[in-house]
């Protein structure tokens, strides 16, 4: 609630507005430097282009903000990201007990965990 999410061009949107009306939210924990992530991201991008009613939110494990945006522009679908290195990013990593990347966490709009 009240968080900002970022587009690949660096502009931000209100998370509540961006996620409104979505049935599912997929938190994608990934980084450009991670070879398995670079293999999975194109598949996720293709999936995202074919389905409706969900939003993917990227939680970056990249070294810095520039690397995060570069990865988003190069490889991602038109999805959003939490601020690099933010408290929200840390909170999501902790909440979903992310131990490695890539990790894809699927939740309902109300936050109920479906799959990790």
PDB file of N, CA and C in Angstrom:
ATOM      1  N   UNK A   1       0.838  -1.190   0.000  1.00  0.00           N
ATOM      2  CA  UNK A   1       0.000   0.000   0.000  1.00  0.00           C
ATOM      3  C   UNK A   1       0.879   1.249   0.000  1.00  0.00           C
ATOM      4  N   UNK A   2       0.582   2.138  -0.919  1.00  0.00           N
ATOM      5  CA  UNK A   2       1.302   3.399  -0.984  1.00  0.00           C
ATOM      6  C   UNK A   2       2.675   3.316  -1.620  1.00  0.00           C
ATOM      7  N   UNK A   3       3.087   2.139  -2.069  1.00  0.00           N
ATOM      8  CA  UNK A   3       4.415   1.981  -2.667  1.00  0.00           C
ATOM      9  C   UNK A   3       4.412   2.471  -4.110  1.00  0.00           C
ATOM     10  N   UNK A   4       5.580   2.771  -4.603  1.00  0.00           N
ATOM     11  CA  UNK A   4       5.774   3.132  -5.999  1.00  0.00           C
ATOM     12  C   UNK A   4       6.418   1.958  -6.714  1.00  0.00           C
ATOM     13  N   UNK A   5       5.977   1.734  -7.945  1.00  0.00           N
ATOM     14  CA  UNK A   5       6.606   0.746  -8.803  1.00  0.00           C
ATOM     15  C   UNK A   5       7.174   1.478 -10.007  1.00  0.00           C
ATOM     16  N   UNK A   6       8.202   0.903 -10.600  1.00  0.00           N
ATOM     17  CA  UNK A   6       8.923   1.591 -11.668  1.00  0.00           C
ATOM     18  C   UNK A   6       8.825   0.851 -12.987  1.00  0.00           C
ATOM     19  N   UNK A   7       8.723   1.636 -14.053  1.00  0.00           N
ATOM     20  CA  UNK A   7       8.748   1.109 -15.418  1.00  0.00           C
ATOM     21  C   UNK A   7      10.198   1.089 -15.894  1.00  0.00           C
ATOM     22  N   UNK A   8      10.430   0.404 -17.005  1.00  0.00           N
ATOM     23  CA  UNK A   8      11.792   0.293 -17.537  1.00  0.00           C
ATOM     24  C   UNK A   8      12.395   1.648 -17.895  1.00  0.00           C
ATOM     25  N   UNK A   9      11.549   2.629 -18.202  1.00  0.00           N
ATOM     26  CA  UNK A   9      12.067   3.964 -18.552  1.00  0.00           C
ATOM     27  C   UNK A   9      12.380   4.816 -17.321  1.00  0.00           C
ATOM     28  N   UNK A  10      12.173   4.246 -16.132  1.00  0.00           N
ATOM     29  CA  UNK A  10      12.501   4.951 -14.896  1.00  0.00           C
ATOM     30  C   UNK A  10      11.356   5.726 -14.287  1.00  0.00           C
ATOM     31  N   UNK A  11      10.243   5.851 -14.998  1.00  0.00           N
ATOM     32  CA  UNK A  11       9.096   6.541 -14.428  1.00  0.00           C
ATOM     33  C   UNK A  11       8.415   5.648 -13.396  1.00  0.00           C
ATOM     34  N   UNK A  12       7.715   6.278 -12.474  1.00  0.00           N
ATOM     35  CA  UNK A  12       7.075   5.503 -11.413  1.00  0.00           C
ATOM     36  C   UNK A  12       5.562   5.614 -11.506  1.00  0.00           C
ATOM     37  N   UNK A  13       4.908   4.590 -10.953  1.00  0.00           N
ATOM     38  CA  UNK A  13       3.458   4.556 -10.872  1.00  0.00           C
ATOM     39  C   UNK A  13       3.085   4.118  -9.467  1.00  0.00           C
ATOM     40  N   UNK A  14       1.902   4.480  -9.044  1.00  0.00           N
ATOM     41  CA  UNK A  14       1.412   4.058  -7.744  1.00  0.00           C
ATOM     42  C   UNK A  14       1.080   2.569  -7.797  1.00  0.00           C
ATOM     43  N   UNK A  15       1.620   1.796  -6.881  1.00  0.00           N
ATOM     44  CA  UNK A  15       1.421   0.348  -6.888  1.00  0.00           C
ATOM     45  C   UNK A  15      -0.050  -0.021  -6.786  1.00  0.00           C
ATOM     46  N   UNK A  16      -0.789   0.667  -5.938  1.00  0.00           N
ATOM     47  CA  UNK A  16      -2.209   0.350  -5.777  1.00  0.00           C
ATOM     48  C   UNK A  16      -2.956   0.512  -7.100  1.00  0.00           C
ATOM     49  N   UNK A  17      -2.646   1.578  -7.844  1.00  0.00           N
ATOM     50  CA  UNK A  17      -3.297   1.800  -9.136  1.00  0.00           C
ATOM     51  C   UNK A  17      -2.857   0.762 -10.163  1.00  0.00           C
ATOM     52  N   UNK A  18      -1.564   0.469 -10.192  1.00  0.00           N
ATOM     53  CA  UNK A  18      -1.022  -0.463 -11.186  1.00  0.00           C
ATOM     54  C   UNK A  18      -1.544  -1.885 -10.986  1.00  0.00           C
ATOM     55  N   UNK A  19      -1.808  -2.258  -9.749  1.00  0.00           N
ATOM     56  CA  UNK A  19      -2.221  -3.633  -9.452  1.00  0.00           C
ATOM     57  C   UNK A  19      -3.733  -3.791  -9.317  1.00  0.00           C
ATOM     58  N   UNK A  20      -4.446  -2.684  -9.366  1.00  0.00           N
ATOM     59  CA  UNK A  20      -5.906  -2.717  -9.231  1.00  0.00           C
ATOM     60  C   UNK A  20      -6.522  -3.557 -10.350  1.00  0.00           C
ATOM     61  N   UNK A  21      -7.421  -4.439  -9.964  1.00  0.00           N
ATOM     62  CA  UNK A  21      -8.118  -5.266 -10.937  1.00  0.00           C
ATOM     63  C   UNK A  21      -7.365  -6.497 -11.402  1.00  0.00           C
ATOM     64  N   UNK A  22      -6.178  -6.704 -10.891  1.00  0.00           N
ATOM     65  CA  UNK A  22      -5.399  -7.883 -11.268  1.00  0.00           C
ATOM     66  C   UNK A  22      -5.807  -9.058 -10.381  1.00  0.00           C
ATOM     67  N   UNK A  23      -5.970 -10.219 -10.987  1.00  0.00           N
ATOM     68  CA  UNK A  23      -6.321 -11.422 -10.232  1.00  0.00           C
ATOM     69  C   UNK A  23      -5.110 -12.029  -9.539  1.00  0.00           C
ATOM     70  N   UNK A  24      -3.970 -11.948 -10.215  1.00  0.00           N
ATOM     71  CA  UNK A  24      -2.740 -12.531  -9.692  1.00  0.00           C
ATOM     72  C   UNK A  24      -1.601 -11.530  -9.804  1.00  0.00           C
ATOM     73  N   UNK A  25      -0.687 -11.609  -8.847  1.00  0.00           N
ATOM     74  CA  UNK A  25       0.539 -10.820  -8.875  1.00  0.00           C
ATOM     75  C   UNK A  25       1.686 -11.803  -8.765  1.00  0.00           C
ATOM     76  N   UNK A  26       2.624 -11.704  -9.693  1.00  0.00           N
ATOM     77  CA  UNK A  26       3.789 -12.574  -9.712  1.00  0.00           C
ATOM     78  C   UNK A  26       5.001 -11.737  -9.353  1.00  0.00           C
ATOM     79  N   UNK A  27       5.628 -12.045  -8.238  1.00  0.00           N
ATOM     80  CA  UNK A  27       6.866 -11.367  -7.850  1.00  0.00           C
ATOM     81  C   UNK A  27       8.024 -12.157  -8.445  1.00  0.00           C
ATOM     82  N   UNK A  28       8.784 -11.485  -9.300  1.00  0.00           N
ATOM     83  CA  UNK A  28       9.892 -12.132  -9.998  1.00  0.00           C
ATOM     84  C   UNK A  28      11.210 -11.637  -9.427  1.00  0.00           C
ATOM     85  N   UNK A  29      11.867 -12.500  -8.685  1.00  0.00           N
ATOM     86  CA  UNK A  29      13.161 -12.210  -8.068  1.00  0.00           C
ATOM     87  C   UNK A  29      14.233 -12.698  -9.042  1.00  0.00           C
ATOM     88  N   UNK A  30      15.029 -11.762  -9.546  1.00  0.00           N
ATOM     89  CA  UNK A  30      15.943 -12.085 -10.630  1.00  0.00           C
ATOM     90  C   UNK A  30      17.045 -11.036 -10.701  1.00  0.00           C
ATOM     91  N   UNK A  31      18.053 -11.304 -11.538  1.00  0.00           N
ATOM     92  CA  UNK A  31      19.126 -10.336 -11.774  1.00  0.00           C
ATOM     93  C   UNK A  31      19.772 -10.635 -13.122  1.00  0.00           C
ATOM     94  N   UNK A  32      20.270  -9.602 -13.755  1.00  0.00           N
ATOM     95  CA  UNK A  32      20.898  -9.748 -15.068  1.00  0.00           C
ATOM     96  C   UNK A  32      22.143 -10.612 -15.015  1.00  0.00           C
ATOM     97  N   UNK A  33      22.897 -10.543 -13.938  1.00  0.00           N
ATOM     98  CA  UNK A  33      24.162 -11.286 -13.844  1.00  0.00           C
ATOM     99  C   UNK A  33      23.952 -12.790 -13.653  1.00  0.00           C
ATOM    100  N   UNK A  34      22.731 -13.222 -13.449  1.00  0.00           N
ATOM    101  CA  UNK A  34      22.398 -14.607 -13.135  1.00  0.00           C
ATOM    102  C   UNK A  34      22.049 -15.376 -14.419  1.00  0.00           C
ATOM    103  N   UNK A  35      22.909 -16.314 -14.870  1.00  0.00           N
ATOM    104  CA  UNK A  35      22.613 -17.051 -16.113  1.00  0.00           C
ATOM    105  C   UNK A  35      21.262 -17.782 -16.112  1.00  0.00           C
ATOM    106  N   UNK A  36      20.859 -18.476 -15.038  1.00  0.00           N
ATOM    107  CA  UNK A  36      19.535 -19.104 -15.075  1.00  0.00           C
ATOM    108  C   UNK A  36      18.403 -18.078 -15.219  1.00  0.00           C
ATOM    109  N   UNK A  37      18.588 -16.894 -14.650  1.00  0.00           N
ATOM    110  CA  UNK A  37      17.583 -15.833 -14.787  1.00  0.00           C
ATOM    111  C   UNK A  37      17.491 -15.382 -16.236  1.00  0.00           C
ATOM    112  N   UNK A  38      18.636 -15.198 -16.873  1.00  0.00           N
ATOM    113  CA  UNK A  38      18.637 -14.759 -18.271  1.00  0.00           C
ATOM    114  C   UNK A  38      18.006 -15.819 -19.172  1.00  0.00           C
ATOM    115  N   UNK A  39      18.045 -17.090 -18.754  1.00  0.00           N
ATOM    116  CA  UNK A  39      17.384 -18.144 -19.507  1.00  0.00           C
ATOM    117  C   UNK A  39      15.883 -18.166 -19.290  1.00  0.00           C
ATOM    118  N   UNK A  40      15.447 -17.867 -18.066  1.00  0.00           N
ATOM    119  CA  UNK A  40      14.022 -17.927 -17.729  1.00  0.00           C
ATOM    120  C   UNK A  40      13.260 -16.669 -18.142  1.00  0.00           C
ATOM    121  N   UNK A  41      13.890 -15.520 -18.071  1.00  0.00           N
ATOM    122  CA  UNK A  41      13.209 -14.248 -18.333  1.00  0.00           C
ATOM    123  C   UNK A  41      12.518 -14.202 -19.694  1.00  0.00           C
ATOM    124  N   UNK A  42      13.144 -14.658 -20.790  1.00  0.00           N
ATOM    125  CA  UNK A  42      12.431 -14.633 -22.074  1.00  0.00           C
ATOM    126  C   UNK A  42      11.164 -15.497 -22.070  1.00  0.00           C
ATOM    127  N   UNK A  43      11.187 -16.602 -21.351  1.00  0.00           N
ATOM    128  CA  UNK A  43      10.007 -17.454 -21.250  1.00  0.00           C
ATOM    129  C   UNK A  43       8.902 -16.742 -20.477  1.00  0.00           C
ATOM    130  N   UNK A  44       9.289 -16.051 -19.408  1.00  0.00           N
ATOM    131  CA  UNK A  44       8.318 -15.299 -18.623  1.00  0.00           C
ATOM    132  C   UNK A  44       7.740 -14.149 -19.450  1.00  0.00           C
ATOM    133  N   UNK A  45       8.582 -13.502 -20.220  1.00  0.00           N
ATOM    134  CA  UNK A  45       8.131 -12.409 -21.091  1.00  0.00           C
ATOM    135  C   UNK A  45       7.091 -12.920 -22.086  1.00  0.00           C
ATOM    136  N   UNK A  46       7.348 -14.073 -22.687  1.00  0.00           N
ATOM    137  CA  UNK A  46       6.405 -14.647 -23.642  1.00  0.00           C
ATOM    138  C   UNK A  46       5.077 -14.995 -22.960  1.00  0.00           C
ATOM    139  N   UNK A  47       5.161 -15.614 -21.781  1.00  0.00           N
ATOM    140  CA  UNK A  47       3.967 -15.945 -21.006  1.00  0.00           C
ATOM    141  C   UNK A  47       3.158 -14.688 -20.702  1.00  0.00           C
ATOM    142  N   UNK A  48       3.841 -13.647 -20.244  1.00  0.00           N
ATOM    143  CA  UNK A  48       3.189 -12.389 -19.864  1.00  0.00           C
ATOM    144  C   UNK A  48       2.435 -11.771 -21.041  1.00  0.00           C
ATOM    145  N   UNK A  49       2.990 -11.933 -22.236  1.00  0.00           N
ATOM    146  CA  UNK A  49       2.359 -11.337 -23.421  1.00  0.00           C
ATOM    147  C   UNK A  49       1.088 -12.079 -23.837  1.00  0.00           C
ATOM    148  N   UNK A  50       0.886 -13.280 -23.319  1.00  0.00           N
ATOM    149  CA  UNK A  50      -0.231 -14.117 -23.752  1.00  0.00           C
ATOM    150  C   UNK A  50      -1.367 -14.220 -22.745  1.00  0.00           C
ATOM    151  N   UNK A  51      -1.190 -13.696 -21.552  1.00  0.00           N
ATOM    152  CA  UNK A  51      -2.223 -13.841 -20.520  1.00  0.00           C
ATOM    153  C   UNK A  51      -2.713 -12.476 -20.051  1.00  0.00           C
ATOM    154  N   UNK A  52      -3.892 -12.479 -19.463  1.00  0.00           N
ATOM    155  CA  UNK A  52      -4.457 -11.255 -18.904  1.00  0.00           C
ATOM    156  C   UNK A  52      -4.815 -11.499 -17.445  1.00  0.00           C
ATOM    157  N   UNK A  53      -5.023 -10.420 -16.715  1.00  0.00           N
ATOM    158  CA  UNK A  53      -5.468 -10.540 -15.331  1.00  0.00           C
ATOM    159  C   UNK A  53      -4.362 -10.732 -14.331  1.00  0.00           C
ATOM    160  N   UNK A  54      -3.123 -10.541 -14.771  1.00  0.00           N
ATOM    161  CA  UNK A  54      -2.019 -10.651 -13.820  1.00  0.00           C
ATOM    162  C   UNK A  54      -1.004  -9.553 -14.078  1.00  0.00           C
ATOM    163  N   UNK A  55      -0.190  -9.322 -13.073  1.00  0.00           N
ATOM    164  CA  UNK A  55       0.914  -8.373 -13.211  1.00  0.00           C
ATOM    165  C   UNK A  55       2.157  -9.016 -12.632  1.00  0.00           C
ATOM    166  N   UNK A  56       3.263  -8.783 -13.297  1.00  0.00           N
ATOM    167  CA  UNK A  56       4.563  -9.228 -12.789  1.00  0.00           C
ATOM    168  C   UNK A  56       5.253  -8.029 -12.171  1.00  0.00           C
ATOM    169  N   UNK A  57       5.802  -8.233 -10.987  1.00  0.00           N
ATOM    170  CA  UNK A  57       6.557  -7.193 -10.299  1.00  0.00           C
ATOM    171  C   UNK A  57       7.967  -7.723 -10.086  1.00  0.00           C
ATOM    172  N   UNK A  58       8.930  -7.079 -10.714  1.00  0.00           N
ATOM    173  CA  UNK A  58      10.340  -7.468 -10.654  1.00  0.00           C
ATOM    174  C   UNK A  58      10.953  -6.980  -9.347  1.00  0.00           C
ATOM    175  N   UNK A  59      11.624  -7.898  -8.653  1.00  0.00           N
ATOM    176  CA  UNK A  59      12.382  -7.567  -7.445  1.00  0.00           C
ATOM    177  C   UNK A  59      13.838  -7.873  -7.780  1.00  0.00           C
ATOM    178  N   UNK A  60      14.601  -6.838  -8.008  1.00  0.00           N
ATOM    179  CA  UNK A  60      15.941  -6.970  -8.567  1.00  0.00           C
ATOM    180  C   UNK A  60      16.995  -7.390  -7.551  1.00  0.00           C
ATOM    181  N   UNK A  61      17.832  -8.305  -8.010  1.00  0.00           N
ATOM    182  CA  UNK A  61      19.032  -8.667  -7.264  1.00  0.00           C
ATOM    183  C   UNK A  61      20.265  -8.129  -7.953  1.00  0.00           C
ATOM    184  N   UNK A  62      20.069  -7.156  -8.851  1.00  0.00           N
ATOM    185  CA  UNK A  62      21.194  -6.579  -9.582  1.00  0.00           C
ATOM    186  C   UNK A  62      22.084  -5.751  -8.659  1.00  0.00           C
ATOM    187  N   UNK A  63      23.277  -5.448  -9.146  1.00  0.00           N
ATOM    188  CA  UNK A  63      24.265  -4.744  -8.336  1.00  0.00           C
ATOM    189  C   UNK A  63      23.870  -3.300  -8.038  1.00  0.00           C
ATOM    190  N   UNK A  64      23.132  -2.680  -8.957  1.00  0.00           N
ATOM    191  CA  UNK A  64      22.747  -1.281  -8.751  1.00  0.00           C
ATOM    192  C   UNK A  64      21.525  -0.950  -9.609  1.00  0.00           C
ATOM    193  N   UNK A  65      21.023   0.248  -9.438  1.00  0.00           N
ATOM    194  CA  UNK A  65      19.822   0.683 -10.150  1.00  0.00           C
ATOM    195  C   UNK A  65      20.019   0.690 -11.650  1.00  0.00           C
ATOM    196  N   UNK A  66      21.182   1.155 -12.121  1.00  0.00           N
ATOM    197  CA  UNK A  66      21.437   1.191 -13.563  1.00  0.00           C
ATOM    198  C   UNK A  66      21.380  -0.204 -14.167  1.00  0.00           C
ATOM    199  N   UNK A  67      21.953  -1.183 -13.475  1.00  0.00           N
ATOM    200  CA  UNK A  67      21.921  -2.562 -13.971  1.00  0.00           C
ATOM    201  C   UNK A  67      20.489  -3.086 -14.007  1.00  0.00           C
ATOM    202  N   UNK A  68      19.695  -2.731 -12.996  1.00  0.00           N
ATOM    203  CA  UNK A  68      18.303  -3.163 -12.961  1.00  0.00           C
ATOM    204  C   UNK A  68      17.543  -2.630 -14.176  1.00  0.00           C
ATOM    205  N   UNK A  69      17.653  -1.326 -14.431  1.00  0.00           N
ATOM    206  CA  UNK A  69      16.916  -0.740 -15.553  1.00  0.00           C
ATOM    207  C   UNK A  69      17.438  -1.255 -16.893  1.00  0.00           C
ATOM    208  N   UNK A  70      18.730  -1.486 -16.990  1.00  0.00           N
ATOM    209  CA  UNK A  70      19.296  -2.038 -18.212  1.00  0.00           C
ATOM    210  C   UNK A  70      18.710  -3.421 -18.493  1.00  0.00           C
ATOM    211  N   UNK A  71      18.629  -4.250 -17.473  1.00  0.00           N
ATOM    212  CA  UNK A  71      18.050  -5.592 -17.594  1.00  0.00           C
ATOM    213  C   UNK A  71      16.581  -5.509 -17.997  1.00  0.00           C
ATOM    214  N   UNK A  72      15.862  -4.592 -17.389  1.00  0.00           N
ATOM    215  CA  UNK A  72      14.441  -4.429 -17.710  1.00  0.00           C
ATOM    216  C   UNK A  72      14.257  -4.031 -19.181  1.00  0.00           C
ATOM    217  N   UNK A  73      15.041  -3.079 -19.645  1.00  0.00           N
ATOM    218  CA  UNK A  73      14.918  -2.611 -21.028  1.00  0.00           C
ATOM    219  C   UNK A  73      15.323  -3.695 -22.020  1.00  0.00           C
ATOM    220  N   UNK A  74      16.341  -4.457 -21.677  1.00  0.00           N
ATOM    221  CA  UNK A  74      16.906  -5.451 -22.582  1.00  0.00           C
ATOM    222  C   UNK A  74      16.053  -6.710 -22.692  1.00  0.00           C
ATOM    223  N   UNK A  75      15.501  -7.180 -21.581  1.00  0.00           N
ATOM    224  CA  UNK A  75      14.963  -8.533 -21.556  1.00  0.00           C
ATOM    225  C   UNK A  75      13.535  -8.681 -21.064  1.00  0.00           C
ATOM    226  N   UNK A  76      13.035  -7.721 -20.340  1.00  0.00           N
ATOM    227  CA  UNK A  76      11.758  -7.907 -19.664  1.00  0.00           C
ATOM    228  C   UNK A  76      10.565  -7.583 -20.543  1.00  0.00           C
ATOM    229  N   UNK A  77       9.416  -8.073 -20.102  1.00  0.00           N
ATOM    230  CA  UNK A  77       8.160  -7.637 -20.678  1.00  0.00           C
ATOM    231  C   UNK A  77       7.843  -6.251 -20.144  1.00  0.00           C
ATOM    232  N   UNK A  78       6.649  -5.796 -20.400  1.00  0.00           N
ATOM    233  CA  UNK A  78       6.256  -4.455 -19.980  1.00  0.00           C
ATOM    234  C   UNK A  78       5.724  -4.491 -18.553  1.00  0.00           C
ATOM    235  N   UNK A  79       6.512  -5.106 -17.669  1.00  0.00           N
ATOM    236  CA  UNK A  79       6.077  -5.179 -16.289  1.00  0.00           C
ATOM    237  C   UNK A  79       6.819  -4.177 -15.425  1.00  0.00           C
ATOM    238  N   UNK A  80       6.504  -4.168 -14.155  1.00  0.00           N
ATOM    239  CA  UNK A  80       6.973  -3.138 -13.231  1.00  0.00           C
ATOM    240  C   UNK A  80       8.012  -3.696 -12.266  1.00  0.00           C
ATOM    241  N   UNK A  81       8.652  -2.816 -11.538  1.00  0.00           N
ATOM    242  CA  UNK A  81       9.671  -3.238 -10.578  1.00  0.00           C
ATOM    243  C   UNK A  81       9.564  -2.425  -9.297  1.00  0.00           C
ATOM    244  N   UNK A  82       9.944  -3.060  -8.195  1.00  0.00           N
ATOM    245  CA  UNK A  82      10.083  -2.302  -6.952  1.00  0.00           C
ATOM    246  C   UNK A  82      11.409  -1.554  -7.017  1.00  0.00           C
ATOM    247  N   UNK A  83      11.521  -0.520  -6.228  1.00  0.00           N
ATOM    248  CA  UNK A  83      12.742   0.277  -6.224  1.00  0.00           C
ATOM    249  C   UNK A  83      13.933  -0.584  -5.813  1.00  0.00           C
ATOM    250  N   UNK A  84      15.019  -0.465  -6.565  1.00  0.00           N
ATOM    251  CA  UNK A  84      16.221  -1.238  -6.291  1.00  0.00           C
ATOM    252  C   UNK A  84      16.758  -0.928  -4.894  1.00  0.00           C
ATOM    253  N   UNK A  85      17.047  -1.975  -4.135  1.00  0.00           N
ATOM    254  CA  UNK A  85      17.653  -1.807  -2.818  1.00  0.00           C
ATOM    255  C   UNK A  85      16.750  -1.180  -1.773  1.00  0.00           C
ATOM    256  N   UNK A  86      15.460  -1.128  -2.050  1.00  0.00           N
ATOM    257  CA  UNK A  86      14.533  -0.459  -1.133  1.00  0.00           C
ATOM    258  C   UNK A  86      14.127  -1.362   0.027  1.00  0.00           C
ATOM    259  N   UNK A  87      13.488  -0.753   1.010  1.00  0.00           N
ATOM    260  CA  UNK A  87      12.948  -1.524   2.127  1.00  0.00           C
ATOM    261  C   UNK A  87      11.906  -2.513   1.629  1.00  0.00           C
ATOM    262  N   UNK A  88      11.096  -2.103   0.647  1.00  0.00           N
ATOM    263  CA  UNK A  88      10.088  -2.998   0.080  1.00  0.00           C
ATOM    264  C   UNK A  88      10.747  -4.221  -0.558  1.00  0.00           C
ATOM    265  N   UNK A  89      11.819  -4.002  -1.266  1.00  0.00           N
ATOM    266  CA  UNK A  89      12.557  -5.112  -1.869  1.00  0.00           C
ATOM    267  C   UNK A  89      13.037  -6.084  -0.794  1.00  0.00           C
ATOM    268  N   UNK A  90      13.627  -5.555   0.258  1.00  0.00           N
ATOM    269  CA  UNK A  90      14.085  -6.393   1.382  1.00  0.00           C
ATOM    270  C   UNK A  90      12.915  -7.122   2.041  1.00  0.00           C
ATOM    271  N   UNK A  91      11.817  -6.396   2.238  1.00  0.00           N
ATOM    272  CA  UNK A  91      10.637  -6.994   2.881  1.00  0.00           C
ATOM    273  C   UNK A  91      10.083  -8.155   2.059  1.00  0.00           C
ATOM    274  N   UNK A  92      10.017  -7.987   0.738  1.00  0.00           N
ATOM    275  CA  UNK A  92       9.506  -9.057  -0.123  1.00  0.00           C
ATOM    276  C   UNK A  92      10.439 -10.265  -0.108  1.00  0.00           C
ATOM    277  N   UNK A  93      11.738 -10.008  -0.162  1.00  0.00           N
ATOM    278  CA  UNK A  93      12.708 -11.108  -0.082  1.00  0.00           C
ATOM    279  C   UNK A  93      12.543 -11.887   1.215  1.00  0.00           C
ATOM    280  N   UNK A  94      12.358 -11.172   2.305  1.00  0.00           N
ATOM    281  CA  UNK A  94      12.199 -11.821   3.609  1.00  0.00           C
ATOM    282  C   UNK A  94      10.847 -12.514   3.735  1.00  0.00           C
ATOM    283  N   UNK A  95       9.789 -11.851   3.306  1.00  0.00           N
ATOM    284  CA  UNK A  95       8.443 -12.405   3.428  1.00  0.00           C
ATOM    285  C   UNK A  95       8.326 -13.739   2.701  1.00  0.00           C
ATOM    286  N   UNK A  96       8.917 -13.807   1.517  1.00  0.00           N
ATOM    287  CA  UNK A  96       8.799 -15.018   0.706  1.00  0.00           C
ATOM    288  C   UNK A  96      10.030 -15.918   0.825  1.00  0.00           C
ATOM    289  N   UNK A  97      10.907 -15.606   1.775  1.00  0.00           N
ATOM    290  CA  UNK A  97      12.053 -16.447   2.094  1.00  0.00           C
ATOM    291  C   UNK A  97      12.837 -16.839   0.836  1.00  0.00           C
ATOM    292  N   UNK A  98      13.167 -15.827   0.041  1.00  0.00           N
ATOM    293  CA  UNK A  98      13.888 -16.059  -1.211  1.00  0.00           C
ATOM    294  C   UNK A  98      15.334 -16.413  -0.891  1.00  0.00           C
ATOM    295  N   UNK A  99      15.732 -17.597  -1.317  1.00  0.00           N
ATOM    296  CA  UNK A  99      17.086 -18.086  -1.035  1.00  0.00           C
ATOM    297  C   UNK A  99      17.962 -18.117  -2.268  1.00  0.00           C
ATOM    298  N   UNK A 100      17.366 -18.022  -3.442  1.00  0.00           N
ATOM    299  CA  UNK A 100      18.125 -18.049  -4.692  1.00  0.00           C
ATOM    300  C   UNK A 100      17.286 -17.469  -5.806  1.00  0.00           C
ATOM    301  N   UNK A 101      17.957 -17.173  -6.900  1.00  0.00           N
ATOM    302  CA  UNK A 101      17.242 -16.623  -8.047  1.00  0.00           C
ATOM    303  C   UNK A 101      17.551 -17.468  -9.271  1.00  0.00           C
ATOM    304  N   UNK A 102      16.642 -17.545 -10.223  1.00  0.00           N
ATOM    305  CA  UNK A 102      15.356 -16.861 -10.227  1.00  0.00           C
ATOM    306  C   UNK A 102      14.342 -17.541  -9.301  1.00  0.00           C
ATOM    307  N   UNK A 103      13.487 -16.722  -8.725  1.00  0.00           N
ATOM    308  CA  UNK A 103      12.351 -17.195  -7.929  1.00  0.00           C
ATOM    309  C   UNK A 103      11.119 -16.449  -8.398  1.00  0.00           C
ATOM    310  N   UNK A 104      10.046 -17.194  -8.603  1.00  0.00           N
ATOM    311  CA  UNK A 104       8.782 -16.599  -9.008  1.00  0.00           C
ATOM    312  C   UNK A 104       7.744 -16.957  -7.954  1.00  0.00           C
ATOM    313  N   UNK A 105       7.178 -15.928  -7.323  1.00  0.00           N
ATOM    314  CA  UNK A 105       6.179 -16.108  -6.277  1.00  0.00           C
ATOM    315  C   UNK A 105       4.840 -15.622  -6.824  1.00  0.00           C
ATOM    316  N   UNK A 106       3.829 -16.471  -6.751  1.00  0.00           N
ATOM    317  CA  UNK A 106       2.502 -16.146  -7.270  1.00  0.00           C
ATOM    318  C   UNK A 106       1.553 -15.940  -6.098  1.00  0.00           C
ATOM    319  N   UNK A 107       0.915 -14.774  -6.074  1.00  0.00           N
ATOM    320  CA  UNK A 107      -0.046 -14.470  -5.011  1.00  0.00           C
ATOM    321  C   UNK A 107      -1.338 -13.957  -5.621  1.00  0.00           C
ATOM    322  N   UNK A 108      -2.427 -14.135  -4.872  1.00  0.00           N
ATOM    323  CA  UNK A 108      -3.707 -13.548  -5.266  1.00  0.00           C
ATOM    324  C   UNK A 108      -3.638 -12.038  -4.984  1.00  0.00           C
ATOM    325  N   UNK A 109      -4.602 -11.317  -5.502  1.00  0.00           N
ATOM    326  CA  UNK A 109      -4.637  -9.866  -5.317  1.00  0.00           C
ATOM    327  C   UNK A 109      -4.668  -9.474  -3.847  1.00  0.00           C
ATOM    328  N   UNK A 110      -5.258 -10.346  -2.992  1.00  0.00           N
ATOM    329  CA  UNK A 110      -5.309 -10.038  -1.567  1.00  0.00           C
ATOM    330  C   UNK A 110      -4.033 -10.437  -0.823  1.00  0.00           C
ATOM    331  N   UNK A 111      -3.051 -10.948  -1.557  1.00  0.00           N
ATOM    332  CA  UNK A 111      -1.767 -11.314  -0.965  1.00  0.00           C
ATOM    333  C   UNK A 111      -1.642 -12.769  -0.563  1.00  0.00           C
ATOM    334  N   UNK A 112      -2.703 -13.556  -0.737  1.00  0.00           N
ATOM    335  CA  UNK A 112      -2.650 -14.970  -0.392  1.00  0.00           C
ATOM    336  C   UNK A 112      -1.665 -15.689  -1.305  1.00  0.00           C
ATOM    337  N   UNK A 113      -0.731 -16.395  -0.707  1.00  0.00           N
ATOM    338  CA  UNK A 113       0.289 -17.124  -1.461  1.00  0.00           C
ATOM    339  C   UNK A 113      -0.340 -18.299  -2.192  1.00  0.00           C
ATOM    340  N   UNK A 114      -0.092 -18.406  -3.492  1.00  0.00           N
ATOM    341  CA  UNK A 114      -0.549 -19.522  -4.295  1.00  0.00           C
ATOM    342  C   UNK A 114       0.585 -20.508  -4.529  1.00  0.00           C
ATOM    343  N   UNK A 115       1.732 -19.979  -4.942  1.00  0.00           N
ATOM    344  CA  UNK A 115       2.842 -20.852  -5.278  1.00  0.00           C
ATOM    345  C   UNK A 115       4.157 -20.095  -5.173  1.00  0.00           C
ATOM    346  N   UNK A 116       5.193 -20.823  -4.811  1.00  0.00           N
ATOM    347  CA  UNK A 116       6.530 -20.233  -4.760  1.00  0.00           C
ATOM    348  C   UNK A 116       7.486 -21.183  -5.425  1.00  0.00           C
TER     349      UNK A 116
END
